[in-house]
Amino acid sequence: PLTDRSQLDSAYVAPTTDVERTLAGLWQDLLGVDSVGTEDNFFDLGGHSLIAVRLFARIKKTYQVDLPISILFEAPTIAKCAKTIAEHIGEGPEGEEQPRRSVALRRFKHLVAMHEGEGKPRTPIFLVAGMFGNILNLRHLAHLLGTDRPFYGLQARGLYGDEAPHRSFYDAAADYIMELRTVQPHGPYLLGGFSGGGIIAYELAQQLLATGEEVAMLAFLDTPMPVRPYLSKRDKLIIHKQEFLKQGVPYLGRWLRDRISWEIRKVLNRLRTPEPVSETSFHNAEIEAAFNMAAEQYTLRPWYGPLTLFRPPMPRQWQVSKGRWVSPELRYIYEDNGWTPWAPALNIVEVTGDHDSMVLEPNVRVLAERMRTCVEAAERAMQAPKIPDKDCPIVTAAAE
């Protein structure tokens, strides 16, 4: 966390209105930074999604203004955020009253413009958030891919508020399409998804194709299959044998202790009364449960169009039967994450970091560079769709 504003590049600009002074106090309290100025950026101060939820809950309590946290992409400074609030409550400079007028707040439930490139003429990129539906960790990627084109994140329903999350990838994709078509009525489309969000992007592409639209790019950011196979008993025994040979008899004691603790936690979790979800938290448990339900019910269909999988190096921990490898999370790992049988045109691009850090600094710079190559290849293919590109092979789905 940033606690000293001397680490910032921006100069201190003192608040001049009542709203700015109130917001400065909130930011100082929640971010733990002294002397927050009106031109300081929320994210540069160390702000993240959980702090954003608490911030906007306190703004709602103070001003009775229900702003989505995604507005931080449009108004990341106190000056811009205060202006939005002041226009809504009818307060002018130095606290002067002025007529209330309608404020053009974000009109979408799922679609979030992630930088000021909205409205630029280049083809937009639409990227679905990961399993928990939060798009804030994709901010770095959106900026590094450039503000010369619109970049929209698609966030989950029920992330905050009292609305239930989607329990079907089909329904989620249909709702997302309704919104993305308001900013891009027709293809070719540039789509993608981070982690589990890639599965929803996959369904988005399928539904758009079914309506006669073209998908010029479909990008998976380390997206797994909807349902992954569990380790066989034979492979579990192979892993135990390898660890026993490496660690000796003490391994058996540690394994038994961990197993007992795991069984106790399972029983306690079943007995525990769920904690009420507050307005200052994301609904992660509900969204995760809904996502897992949707994944189990989802039926994969082949995709003959473009599909590029950006993935970090494979975390090989144990080699088991049939030459397969297992990750430290006790999952089988495959170079293609298991997608090739369903997407024969799959292209694999390795990036740095791991599953979570690939979209964060500094690794996101490698991802952005390689993803930009794919975007540019897709745009070339949009002009000559039947000519494949060696950097990001394109297969026109309609032709298949």
Protein backbone atom coordinates (compact mmCIF):
# COMPACT_ATOMS: atom_id res chain seq x y z
CA PRO A 1 0.00 0.00 0.00
CA LEU A 2 1.12 3.53 -0.81
CA THR A 3 1.35 5.64 2.35
CA ASP A 4 3.55 8.54 1.21
CA ARG A 5 2.38 10.77 -1.62
CA SER A 6 6.01 11.66 -2.43
CA GLN A 7 6.04 8.43 -4.47
CA LEU A 8 3.45 9.93 -6.84
CA ASP A 9 4.27 11.79 -10.03
CA SER A 10 1.31 14.14 -9.67
CA ALA A 11 1.56 17.38 -7.71
CA TYR A 12 -0.78 17.96 -4.78
CA VAL A 13 -3.91 19.93 -5.70
CA ALA A 14 -6.02 20.90 -2.69
CA PRO A 15 -9.81 20.31 -2.67
CA THR A 16 -11.90 23.43 -3.26
CA THR A 17 -15.50 22.25 -2.88
CA ASP A 18 -17.39 20.52 -0.09
CA VAL A 19 -17.76 17.34 -2.18
CA GLU A 20 -14.05 17.28 -3.00
CA ARG A 21 -13.13 17.75 0.65
CA THR A 22 -15.47 14.96 1.71
CA LEU A 23 -14.09 12.61 -0.93
CA ALA A 24 -10.53 13.48 0.01
CA GLY A 25 -11.31 12.45 3.57
CA LEU A 26 -12.84 9.17 2.42
CA TRP A 27 -9.88 8.37 0.19
CA GLN A 28 -7.38 9.18 2.94
CA ASP A 29 -9.25 6.97 5.37
CA LEU A 30 -9.71 3.99 3.03
CA LEU A 31 -6.37 4.18 1.22
CA GLY A 32 -4.25 5.13 4.20
CA VAL A 33 -2.59 8.01 2.31
CA ASP A 34 -2.11 11.49 3.77
CA SER A 35 -2.91 14.62 1.77
CA VAL A 36 -4.85 13.16 -1.12
CA GLY A 37 -5.18 15.75 -3.88
CA THR A 38 -8.00 16.21 -6.34
CA GLU A 39 -5.87 15.12 -9.32
CA ASP A 40 -4.49 11.95 -7.70
CA ASN A 41 -5.53 8.71 -9.42
CA PHE A 42 -7.37 6.15 -7.29
CA PHE A 43 -5.41 3.25 -8.77
CA ASP A 44 -2.04 4.99 -8.48
CA LEU A 45 -2.75 5.44 -4.76
CA GLY A 46 -3.05 1.67 -4.37
CA GLY A 47 -6.81 1.44 -4.76
CA HIS A 48 -8.24 -1.94 -5.68
CA SER A 49 -11.65 -3.49 -6.11
CA LEU A 50 -12.47 -4.16 -2.45
CA ILE A 51 -11.54 -0.61 -1.46
CA ALA A 52 -13.64 0.67 -4.36
CA VAL A 53 -16.70 -1.18 -3.04
CA ARG A 54 -16.24 0.34 0.41
CA LEU A 55 -15.67 3.78 -1.10
CA PHE A 56 -18.88 3.77 -3.11
CA ALA A 57 -20.88 2.33 -0.22
CA ARG A 58 -19.80 5.37 1.84
CA ILE A 59 -20.55 7.72 -1.06
CA LYS A 60 -24.04 6.23 -1.25
CA LYS A 61 -24.54 6.68 2.50
CA THR A 62 -23.29 10.28 2.40
CA TYR A 63 -24.97 11.56 -0.76
CA GLN A 64 -27.69 8.98 -1.53
CA VAL A 65 -26.05 8.54 -4.94
CA ASP A 66 -25.78 4.93 -6.09
CA LEU A 67 -22.75 4.92 -8.40
CA PRO A 68 -21.29 1.74 -9.92
CA ILE A 69 -17.65 1.20 -9.01
CA SER A 70 -16.90 0.86 -12.71
CA ILE A 71 -17.26 4.65 -12.92
CA LEU A 72 -13.70 4.77 -11.57
CA PHE A 73 -12.55 4.03 -15.11
CA GLU A 74 -14.23 7.24 -16.24
CA ALA A 75 -13.62 9.27 -13.08
CA PRO A 76 -10.48 7.91 -11.35
CA THR A 77 -9.66 11.23 -9.60
CA ILE A 78 -11.41 13.11 -6.82
CA ALA A 79 -12.01 16.05 -9.16
CA LYS A 80 -13.83 13.94 -11.75
CA CYS A 81 -15.71 11.84 -9.20
CA ALA A 82 -16.76 14.94 -7.25
CA LYS A 83 -18.03 16.58 -10.43
CA THR A 84 -20.25 13.59 -11.14
CA ILE A 85 -21.64 13.61 -7.60
CA ALA A 86 -22.09 17.40 -7.56
CA GLU A 87 -24.05 17.35 -10.81
CA HIS A 88 -26.27 14.63 -9.37
CA ILE A 89 -27.00 16.36 -6.05
CA GLY A 90 -27.18 19.87 -7.51
CA GLU A 91 -24.13 21.47 -5.93
CA GLY A 92 -21.89 23.91 -7.79
CA PRO A 93 -18.44 25.36 -7.03
CA GLU A 94 -17.75 26.31 -3.39
CA GLY A 95 -20.98 24.60 -2.33
CA GLU A 96 -23.26 26.86 -4.36
CA GLU A 97 -26.64 25.31 -5.05
CA GLN A 98 -27.61 24.76 -8.66
CA PRO A 99 -30.53 23.05 -10.36
CA ARG A 100 -30.32 19.28 -10.28
CA ARG A 101 -29.87 17.71 -13.65
CA SER A 102 -29.70 14.21 -14.90
CA VAL A 103 -26.18 12.79 -14.92
CA ALA A 104 -25.15 10.45 -17.73
CA LEU A 105 -24.00 7.58 -15.56
CA ARG A 106 -22.93 4.29 -17.08
CA ARG A 107 -26.03 2.87 -18.71
CA PHE A 108 -24.90 -0.74 -18.78
CA LYS A 109 -25.12 -3.55 -16.28
CA HIS A 110 -22.30 -5.66 -17.70
CA LEU A 111 -20.39 -3.51 -20.16
CA VAL A 112 -17.69 -1.21 -18.74
CA ALA A 113 -15.61 1.20 -20.84
CA MET A 114 -12.14 0.70 -19.36
CA HIS A 115 -10.43 3.81 -20.68
CA GLU A 116 -11.20 7.02 -22.52
CA GLY A 117 -10.93 5.34 -25.91
CA GLU A 118 -14.69 4.87 -26.00
CA GLY A 119 -16.02 6.41 -29.18
CA LYS A 120 -12.79 5.99 -31.16
CA PRO A 121 -13.29 4.62 -34.68
CA ARG A 122 -11.21 1.43 -34.37
CA THR A 123 -12.87 -1.96 -33.76
CA PRO A 124 -13.64 -2.42 -30.02
CA ILE A 125 -12.27 -5.23 -27.90
CA PHE A 126 -14.69 -6.99 -25.54
CA LEU A 127 -13.08 -8.98 -22.72
CA VAL A 128 -15.10 -11.06 -20.23
CA ALA A 129 -13.95 -10.98 -16.59
CA GLY A 130 -12.78 -14.13 -14.82
CA MET A 131 -14.89 -16.54 -12.80
CA PHE A 132 -15.65 -13.98 -10.05
CA GLY A 133 -16.87 -11.44 -12.60
CA ASN A 134 -14.62 -8.53 -11.52
CA ILE A 135 -13.04 -6.54 -14.35
CA LEU A 136 -10.79 -4.25 -12.27
CA ASN A 137 -7.75 -6.56 -12.60
CA LEU A 138 -7.95 -6.12 -16.39
CA ARG A 139 -7.33 -2.36 -16.21
CA HIS A 140 -3.59 -2.65 -16.95
CA LEU A 141 -4.22 -4.75 -20.07
CA ALA A 142 -6.84 -2.32 -21.36
CA HIS A 143 -4.44 0.63 -21.16
CA LEU A 144 -1.44 -1.22 -22.56
CA LEU A 145 -3.39 -2.37 -25.61
CA GLY A 146 -3.87 1.32 -26.32
CA THR A 147 -6.48 4.02 -25.90
CA ASP A 148 -6.76 4.41 -29.66
CA ARG A 149 -9.58 1.89 -29.68
CA PRO A 150 -12.52 1.16 -27.33
CA PHE A 151 -11.87 -1.56 -24.76
CA TYR A 152 -14.83 -2.93 -22.81
CA GLY A 153 -14.80 -5.27 -19.87
CA LEU A 154 -17.83 -7.49 -19.29
CA GLN A 155 -18.57 -7.95 -15.59
CA ALA A 156 -20.84 -10.49 -13.91
CA ARG A 157 -24.39 -9.87 -12.85
CA GLY A 158 -24.71 -9.90 -9.08
CA LEU A 159 -21.13 -8.74 -8.47
CA TYR A 160 -22.65 -6.25 -6.03
CA GLY A 161 -26.19 -5.27 -5.28
CA ASP A 162 -29.06 -7.68 -4.73
CA GLU A 163 -29.38 -9.23 -8.18
CA ALA A 164 -28.79 -12.99 -8.55
CA PRO A 165 -25.81 -14.06 -10.71
CA HIS A 166 -26.30 -15.96 -13.96
CA ARG A 167 -26.54 -19.72 -13.52
CA SER A 168 -26.22 -20.42 -17.22
CA PHE A 169 -23.46 -19.46 -19.65
CA TYR A 170 -26.10 -19.34 -22.39
CA ASP A 171 -28.12 -16.71 -20.51
CA ALA A 172 -25.02 -14.72 -19.54
CA ALA A 173 -23.80 -14.63 -23.13
CA ALA A 174 -27.22 -13.56 -24.42
CA ASP A 175 -27.37 -10.67 -21.93
CA TYR A 176 -23.81 -9.62 -22.74
CA ILE A 177 -24.59 -9.60 -26.46
CA MET A 178 -27.59 -7.30 -25.94
CA GLU A 179 -25.28 -4.72 -24.38
CA LEU A 180 -22.23 -5.06 -26.62
CA ARG A 181 -24.45 -4.65 -29.69
CA THR A 182 -25.46 -1.21 -28.46
CA VAL A 183 -21.87 -0.06 -29.03
CA GLN A 184 -21.06 -2.35 -31.98
CA PRO A 185 -24.23 -3.48 -33.76
CA HIS A 186 -22.45 -5.79 -36.22
CA GLY A 187 -19.18 -7.70 -36.58
CA PRO A 188 -16.51 -8.56 -37.18
CA TYR A 189 -16.04 -8.80 -33.41
CA LEU A 190 -12.88 -8.96 -31.28
CA LEU A 191 -13.69 -11.07 -28.21
CA GLY A 192 -11.80 -12.55 -25.31
CA GLY A 193 -12.04 -13.73 -21.74
CA PHE A 194 -9.77 -14.10 -18.73
CA SER A 195 -9.71 -17.50 -17.02
CA GLY A 196 -13.27 -18.82 -16.67
CA GLY A 197 -14.56 -15.75 -18.50
CA GLY A 198 -13.13 -17.25 -21.67
CA ILE A 199 -15.83 -19.94 -21.55
CA ILE A 200 -18.51 -17.25 -21.62
CA ALA A 201 -16.63 -15.53 -24.46
CA TYR A 202 -16.66 -18.88 -26.28
CA GLU A 203 -20.45 -18.99 -25.95
CA LEU A 204 -20.66 -15.33 -27.01
CA ALA A 205 -18.83 -16.24 -30.21
CA GLN A 206 -21.12 -19.22 -30.81
CA GLN A 207 -24.28 -17.14 -30.40
CA LEU A 208 -22.97 -14.31 -32.61
CA LEU A 209 -22.01 -16.80 -35.31
CA ALA A 210 -25.48 -18.34 -35.15
CA THR A 211 -26.95 -14.95 -36.07
CA GLY A 212 -24.69 -14.62 -39.11
CA GLU A 213 -22.06 -12.38 -37.50
CA GLU A 214 -18.29 -12.84 -37.87
CA VAL A 215 -15.84 -13.19 -35.00
CA ALA A 216 -12.41 -12.08 -36.18
CA MET A 217 -10.66 -12.77 -32.86
CA LEU A 218 -11.41 -14.99 -29.90
CA ALA A 219 -8.75 -14.85 -27.18
CA PHE A 220 -8.47 -17.04 -24.10
CA LEU A 221 -6.33 -15.73 -21.23
CA ASP A 222 -5.42 -19.09 -19.66
CA THR A 223 -8.99 -20.35 -19.90
CA PRO A 224 -9.60 -23.89 -18.59
CA MET A 225 -12.15 -26.36 -19.89
CA PRO A 226 -15.61 -25.98 -18.27
CA VAL A 227 -15.16 -29.28 -16.43
CA ARG A 228 -11.68 -30.66 -15.84
CA PRO A 229 -10.89 -34.29 -15.02
CA TYR A 230 -9.92 -35.13 -11.46
CA LEU A 231 -6.83 -37.15 -10.66
CA SER A 232 -7.24 -40.91 -10.89
CA LYS A 233 -6.50 -43.04 -7.83
CA ARG A 234 -3.52 -44.50 -9.66
CA ASP A 235 -2.02 -41.06 -10.27
CA LYS A 236 -2.63 -40.01 -6.67
CA LEU A 237 -0.65 -43.06 -5.53
CA ILE A 238 2.15 -42.20 -7.96
CA ILE A 239 2.35 -38.69 -6.47
CA HIS A 240 2.39 -40.06 -2.90
CA LYS A 241 5.19 -42.46 -3.87
CA GLN A 242 7.28 -39.66 -5.38
CA GLU A 243 6.85 -37.47 -2.30
CA PHE A 244 7.62 -40.37 0.05
CA LEU A 245 10.84 -41.14 -1.82
CA LYS A 246 11.77 -37.45 -1.66
CA GLN A 247 10.81 -36.67 1.95
CA GLY A 248 10.89 -40.04 3.69
CA VAL A 249 8.75 -41.18 6.63
CA PRO A 250 7.92 -37.62 7.85
CA TYR A 251 5.86 -37.17 4.68
CA LEU A 252 3.33 -39.76 5.89
CA GLY A 253 2.77 -37.87 9.13
CA ARG A 254 2.32 -34.53 7.35
CA TRP A 255 -0.05 -36.07 4.81
CA LEU A 256 -2.19 -37.69 7.54
CA ARG A 257 -2.33 -34.44 9.53
CA ASP A 258 -3.34 -32.44 6.45
CA ARG A 259 -5.97 -35.01 5.52
CA ILE A 260 -7.57 -34.89 8.97
CA SER A 261 -7.57 -31.08 8.91
CA TRP A 262 -9.20 -31.10 5.48
CA GLU A 263 -11.98 -33.46 6.61
CA ILE A 264 -12.62 -31.31 9.70
CA ARG A 265 -12.88 -28.17 7.56
CA LYS A 266 -15.41 -29.88 5.28
CA VAL A 267 -17.63 -30.71 8.25
CA LEU A 268 -17.32 -27.20 9.72
CA ASN A 269 -18.13 -25.57 6.38
CA ARG A 270 -21.34 -27.58 6.16
CA LEU A 271 -22.33 -26.57 9.67
CA ARG A 272 -21.29 -22.93 9.45
CA THR A 273 -24.01 -20.33 8.94
CA PRO A 274 -23.12 -18.22 5.90
CA GLU A 275 -22.10 -14.69 6.80
CA PRO A 276 -24.49 -12.07 5.46
CA VAL A 277 -23.20 -10.27 2.40
CA SER A 278 -22.68 -6.60 3.15
CA GLU A 279 -22.86 -3.70 0.75
CA THR A 280 -19.09 -3.28 1.17
CA SER A 281 -18.13 -6.66 -0.27
CA PHE A 282 -18.35 -8.54 -3.53
CA HIS A 283 -20.67 -11.53 -3.74
CA ASN A 284 -17.81 -13.89 -4.54
CA ALA A 285 -19.29 -17.02 -2.94
CA GLU A 286 -22.61 -16.67 -4.76
CA ILE A 287 -20.93 -15.93 -8.10
CA GLU A 288 -18.53 -18.85 -7.72
CA ALA A 289 -21.36 -21.25 -6.92
CA ALA A 290 -23.39 -20.00 -9.89
CA PHE A 291 -20.37 -20.25 -12.20
CA ASN A 292 -19.64 -23.84 -11.15
CA MET A 293 -23.29 -24.76 -11.71
CA ALA A 294 -23.21 -23.20 -15.17
CA ALA A 295 -19.94 -24.99 -16.02
CA GLU A 296 -21.38 -28.40 -15.12
CA GLN A 297 -24.44 -27.78 -17.31
CA TYR A 298 -22.60 -26.30 -20.29
CA THR A 299 -22.38 -28.40 -23.46
CA LEU A 300 -19.39 -27.59 -25.61
CA ARG A 301 -19.83 -27.20 -29.35
CA PRO A 302 -16.96 -27.21 -31.86
CA TRP A 303 -15.51 -23.87 -32.87
CA TYR A 304 -13.86 -23.64 -36.28
CA GLY A 305 -13.12 -19.94 -36.10
CA PRO A 306 -10.10 -18.14 -34.66
CA LEU A 307 -9.02 -19.03 -31.14
CA THR A 308 -5.77 -17.97 -29.49
CA LEU A 309 -4.83 -19.26 -26.06
CA PHE A 310 -2.48 -17.01 -24.11
CA ARG A 311 -1.09 -19.01 -21.23
CA PRO A 312 1.84 -18.85 -18.79
CA PRO A 313 4.47 -21.61 -18.57
CA MET A 314 2.98 -24.89 -17.45
CA PRO A 315 3.61 -25.52 -13.70
CA ARG A 316 4.80 -29.14 -13.98
CA GLN A 317 5.08 -30.63 -10.50
CA TRP A 318 4.64 -34.40 -10.85
CA GLN A 319 4.77 -36.73 -13.84
CA VAL A 320 2.18 -39.49 -13.62
CA SER A 321 0.71 -42.22 -15.85
CA LYS A 322 0.54 -41.87 -19.66
CA GLY A 323 3.24 -39.21 -19.54
CA ARG A 324 0.86 -36.64 -18.09
CA TRP A 325 1.88 -33.88 -15.71
CA VAL A 326 0.13 -32.59 -12.60
CA SER A 327 0.23 -29.04 -11.22
CA PRO A 328 0.87 -28.06 -7.58
CA GLU A 329 -2.95 -27.61 -7.37
CA LEU A 330 -3.31 -31.33 -8.18
CA ARG A 331 -4.77 -30.77 -11.66
CA TYR A 332 -3.75 -32.40 -14.91
CA ILE A 333 -2.07 -29.83 -17.12
CA TYR A 334 -2.08 -29.73 -20.90
CA GLU A 335 -0.27 -27.44 -23.29
CA ASP A 336 -3.57 -26.47 -24.95
CA ASN A 337 -5.62 -26.52 -21.70
CA GLY A 338 -7.63 -29.28 -23.40
CA TRP A 339 -9.21 -27.11 -26.13
CA THR A 340 -7.75 -28.56 -29.36
CA PRO A 341 -10.42 -31.28 -29.84
CA TRP A 342 -13.09 -28.55 -29.81
CA ALA A 343 -11.17 -25.81 -31.61
CA PRO A 344 -8.89 -27.25 -34.32
CA ALA A 345 -7.64 -23.76 -35.34
CA LEU A 346 -6.28 -23.18 -31.82
CA ASN A 347 -3.10 -21.10 -31.63
CA ILE A 348 -1.05 -21.16 -28.40
CA VAL A 349 1.00 -18.15 -27.26
CA GLU A 350 3.10 -18.38 -24.10
CA VAL A 351 3.36 -15.34 -21.82
CA THR A 352 5.15 -14.63 -18.53
CA GLY A 353 3.87 -14.96 -14.97
CA ASP A 354 1.31 -17.39 -13.65
CA HIS A 355 -2.46 -17.64 -13.95
CA ASP A 356 -3.17 -14.61 -11.76
CA SER A 357 -0.10 -12.44 -12.37
CA MET A 358 -0.18 -12.66 -16.18
CA VAL A 359 -2.68 -9.75 -16.22
CA LEU A 360 -0.80 -7.69 -13.60
CA GLU A 361 2.34 -5.60 -13.75
CA PRO A 362 4.98 -6.31 -14.92
CA ASN A 363 3.92 -9.52 -16.71
CA VAL A 364 0.91 -7.87 -18.33
CA ARG A 365 3.28 -5.95 -20.61
CA VAL A 366 4.31 -9.19 -22.30
CA LEU A 367 0.68 -10.29 -22.60
CA ALA A 368 -0.35 -6.92 -24.07
CA GLU A 369 2.44 -6.99 -26.65
CA ARG A 370 1.57 -10.50 -27.84
CA MET A 371 -2.14 -9.87 -27.72
CA ARG A 372 -1.68 -6.72 -29.81
CA THR A 373 -0.03 -8.87 -32.49
CA CYS A 374 -3.13 -11.06 -32.52
CA VAL A 375 -5.47 -8.07 -32.70
CA GLU A 376 -3.55 -6.62 -35.63
CA ALA A 377 -3.60 -9.99 -37.39
CA ALA A 378 -7.36 -10.20 -36.86
CA GLU A 379 -7.81 -6.74 -38.36
CA ARG A 380 -5.78 -7.76 -41.41
CA ALA A 381 -7.95 -10.84 -41.74
CA MET A 382 -11.09 -8.67 -41.54
CA GLN A 383 -9.96 -7.09 -44.81
CA ALA A 384 -8.87 -10.40 -46.38
CA PRO A 385 -10.64 -13.02 -44.21
CA LYS A 386 -9.58 -16.08 -46.19
CA ILE A 387 -5.86 -15.38 -45.90
CA PRO A 388 -4.38 -16.99 -42.75
CA ASP A 389 -1.82 -15.11 -40.68
CA LYS A 390 1.19 -16.88 -39.20
CA ASP A 391 1.09 -14.77 -36.00
CA CYS A 392 -2.55 -15.46 -35.20
CA PRO A 393 -4.14 -17.93 -37.64
CA ILE A 394 -7.62 -16.94 -38.72
CA VAL A 395 -10.23 -19.37 -39.93
CA THR A 396 -13.45 -17.75 -41.10
CA ALA A 397 -16.13 -19.51 -39.09
CA ALA A 398 -18.82 -18.82 -41.65
CA ALA A 399 -16.79 -20.67 -44.29
CA GLU A 400 -16.68 -23.75 -42.08
